[in-house]
Amino acid sequence: MHKVTKIQPIARHRLHVEFCDGIAGEIDLEDRLFGSVFEPLKNADVFAQVTIDEFGVICWPTGADLAPDALYDAISRRGNRD
């Protein structure tokens, strides 16, 4: 599993994500914020409460979380390395 080591919320439902092996990039979540767990993240203040749990998973107090492996695949396919 690819662990997230750093996360930074940036403009309009985007995250800058860094992984333990140095792969890094931005992910846009605006189109994915639906359903009872993700809907509250449309509020910028709630979205900004993003954290990383002890397993390297991106999560929010609403219970929403994002699988790091899927994010890693999306970012590495684009060739992003900051």
C-alpha atoms as a PDB file:
ATOM      1  CA  MET A   1       0.000   0.000   0.000  1.00  0.00           C
ATOM      2  CA  HIS A   2       1.184   3.510  -0.817  1.00  0.00           C
ATOM      3  CA  LYS A   3       1.090   5.748   2.247  1.00  0.00           C
ATOM      4  CA  VAL A   4       0.314   9.434   2.045  1.00  0.00           C
ATOM      5  CA  THR A   5       2.858  11.417   4.051  1.00  0.00           C
ATOM      6  CA  LYS A   6       1.736  14.977   3.360  1.00  0.00           C
ATOM      7  CA  ILE A   7      -1.544  16.575   2.360  1.00  0.00           C
ATOM      8  CA  GLN A   8      -2.431  20.171   1.612  1.00  0.00           C
ATOM      9  CA  PRO A   9      -5.873  21.453   0.636  1.00  0.00           C
ATOM     10  CA  ILE A  10      -5.595  23.957  -2.204  1.00  0.00           C
ATOM     11  CA  ALA A  11      -8.018  25.923  -4.326  1.00  0.00           C
ATOM     12  CA  ARG A  12     -11.539  24.678  -4.892  1.00  0.00           C
ATOM     13  CA  HIS A  13     -11.694  21.040  -3.687  1.00  0.00           C
ATOM     14  CA  ARG A  14      -8.199  20.160  -4.778  1.00  0.00           C
ATOM     15  CA  LEU A  15      -5.520  18.440  -2.726  1.00  0.00           C
ATOM     16  CA  HIS A  16      -1.776  18.370  -3.098  1.00  0.00           C
ATOM     17  CA  VAL A  17      -0.758  14.845  -2.079  1.00  0.00           C
ATOM     18  CA  GLU A  18       2.717  13.466  -1.337  1.00  0.00           C
ATOM     19  CA  PHE A  19       3.514   9.770  -0.901  1.00  0.00           C
ATOM     20  CA  CYS A  20       6.263   8.042   1.053  1.00  0.00           C
ATOM     21  CA  ASP A  21       8.274   7.308  -2.131  1.00  0.00           C
ATOM     22  CA  GLY A  22       8.327  10.927  -3.325  1.00  0.00           C
ATOM     23  CA  ILE A  23       5.507  10.744  -5.868  1.00  0.00           C
ATOM     24  CA  ALA A  24       3.436  13.912  -5.504  1.00  0.00           C
ATOM     25  CA  GLY A  25       0.742  15.782  -7.348  1.00  0.00           C
ATOM     26  CA  GLU A  26      -2.662  17.382  -7.253  1.00  0.00           C
ATOM     27  CA  ILE A  27      -6.016  15.695  -7.307  1.00  0.00           C
ATOM     28  CA  ASP A  28      -9.308  17.432  -8.048  1.00  0.00           C
ATOM     29  CA  LEU A  29     -12.204  16.045  -6.016  1.00  0.00           C
ATOM     30  CA  GLU A  30     -14.958  18.461  -7.032  1.00  0.00           C
ATOM     31  CA  ASP A  31     -16.744  15.893  -9.240  1.00  0.00           C
ATOM     32  CA  ARG A  32     -16.573  13.240  -6.502  1.00  0.00           C
ATOM     33  CA  LEU A  33     -18.220  15.103  -3.631  1.00  0.00           C
ATOM     34  CA  PHE A  34     -21.598  13.400  -3.541  1.00  0.00           C
ATOM     35  CA  GLY A  35     -23.323  11.061  -1.126  1.00  0.00           C
ATOM     36  CA  SER A  36     -23.940  11.526   2.574  1.00  0.00           C
ATOM     37  CA  VAL A  37     -20.289  11.181   3.629  1.00  0.00           C
ATOM     38  CA  PHE A  38     -18.733  13.366   0.903  1.00  0.00           C
ATOM     39  CA  GLU A  39     -21.457  16.010   0.486  1.00  0.00           C
ATOM     40  CA  PRO A  40     -20.290  18.012   3.567  1.00  0.00           C
ATOM     41  CA  LEU A  41     -16.862  18.417   1.927  1.00  0.00           C
ATOM     42  CA  LYS A  42     -18.387  20.893  -0.513  1.00  0.00           C
ATOM     43  CA  ASN A  43     -18.081  23.363   2.366  1.00  0.00           C
ATOM     44  CA  ALA A  44     -14.533  24.805   2.128  1.00  0.00           C
ATOM     45  CA  ASP A  45     -14.110  24.905   5.917  1.00  0.00           C
ATOM     46  CA  VAL A  46     -14.974  21.218   6.238  1.00  0.00           C
ATOM     47  CA  PHE A  47     -12.807  20.285   3.240  1.00  0.00           C
ATOM     48  CA  ALA A  48      -9.854  22.064   4.889  1.00  0.00           C
ATOM     49  CA  GLN A  49     -10.108  19.704   7.891  1.00  0.00           C
ATOM     50  CA  VAL A  50      -8.390  16.964   5.869  1.00  0.00           C
ATOM     51  CA  THR A  51      -5.886  14.809   7.770  1.00  0.00           C
ATOM     52  CA  ILE A  52      -3.843  11.644   7.313  1.00  0.00           C
ATOM     53  CA  ASP A  53      -4.520   8.699   9.602  1.00  0.00           C
ATOM     54  CA  GLU A  54      -1.911   6.296  11.013  1.00  0.00           C
ATOM     55  CA  PHE A  55      -2.215   4.105   7.906  1.00  0.00           C
ATOM     56  CA  GLY A  56      -1.457   6.908   5.450  1.00  0.00           C
ATOM     57  CA  VAL A  57      -5.097   7.305   4.395  1.00  0.00           C
ATOM     58  CA  ILE A  58      -6.563  10.751   3.671  1.00  0.00           C
ATOM     59  CA  CYS A  59      -9.614  11.350   5.865  1.00  0.00           C
ATOM     60  CA  TRP A  60     -12.023  13.960   7.197  1.00  0.00           C
ATOM     61  CA  PRO A  61     -14.048  14.244  10.424  1.00  0.00           C
ATOM     62  CA  THR A  62     -17.210  13.501   8.387  1.00  0.00           C
ATOM     63  CA  GLY A  63     -16.047   9.891   7.984  1.00  0.00           C
ATOM     64  CA  ALA A  64     -15.021  10.414   4.363  1.00  0.00           C
ATOM     65  CA  ASP A  65     -11.726   8.874   3.312  1.00  0.00           C
ATOM     66  CA  LEU A  66      -9.794   8.261   0.117  1.00  0.00           C
ATOM     67  CA  ALA A  67      -7.940   5.088  -0.810  1.00  0.00           C
ATOM     68  CA  PRO A  68      -4.269   6.001  -1.217  1.00  0.00           C
ATOM     69  CA  ASP A  69      -3.606   3.338  -3.864  1.00  0.00           C
ATOM     70  CA  ALA A  70      -6.188   4.778  -6.253  1.00  0.00           C
ATOM     71  CA  LEU A  71      -4.812   8.302  -5.764  1.00  0.00           C
ATOM     72  CA  TYR A  72      -1.262   7.047  -6.251  1.00  0.00           C
ATOM     73  CA  ASP A  73      -2.191   5.371  -9.526  1.00  0.00           C
ATOM     74  CA  ALA A  74      -3.945   8.500 -10.799  1.00  0.00           C
ATOM     75  CA  ILE A  75      -1.047  10.805  -9.897  1.00  0.00           C
ATOM     76  CA  SER A  76       1.757   8.511 -11.079  1.00  0.00           C
ATOM     77  CA  ARG A  77       0.017   7.873 -14.444  1.00  0.00           C
ATOM     78  CA  ARG A  78       0.171  11.601 -15.098  1.00  0.00           C
ATOM     79  CA  GLY A  79       3.889  11.556 -14.351  1.00  0.00           C
ATOM     80  CA  ASN A  80       3.613  14.114 -11.547  1.00  0.00           C
ATOM     81  CA  ARG A  81       6.684  14.309  -9.391  1.00  0.00           C
ATOM     82  CA  ASP A  82       7.124  17.525  -7.435  1.00  0.00           C
END
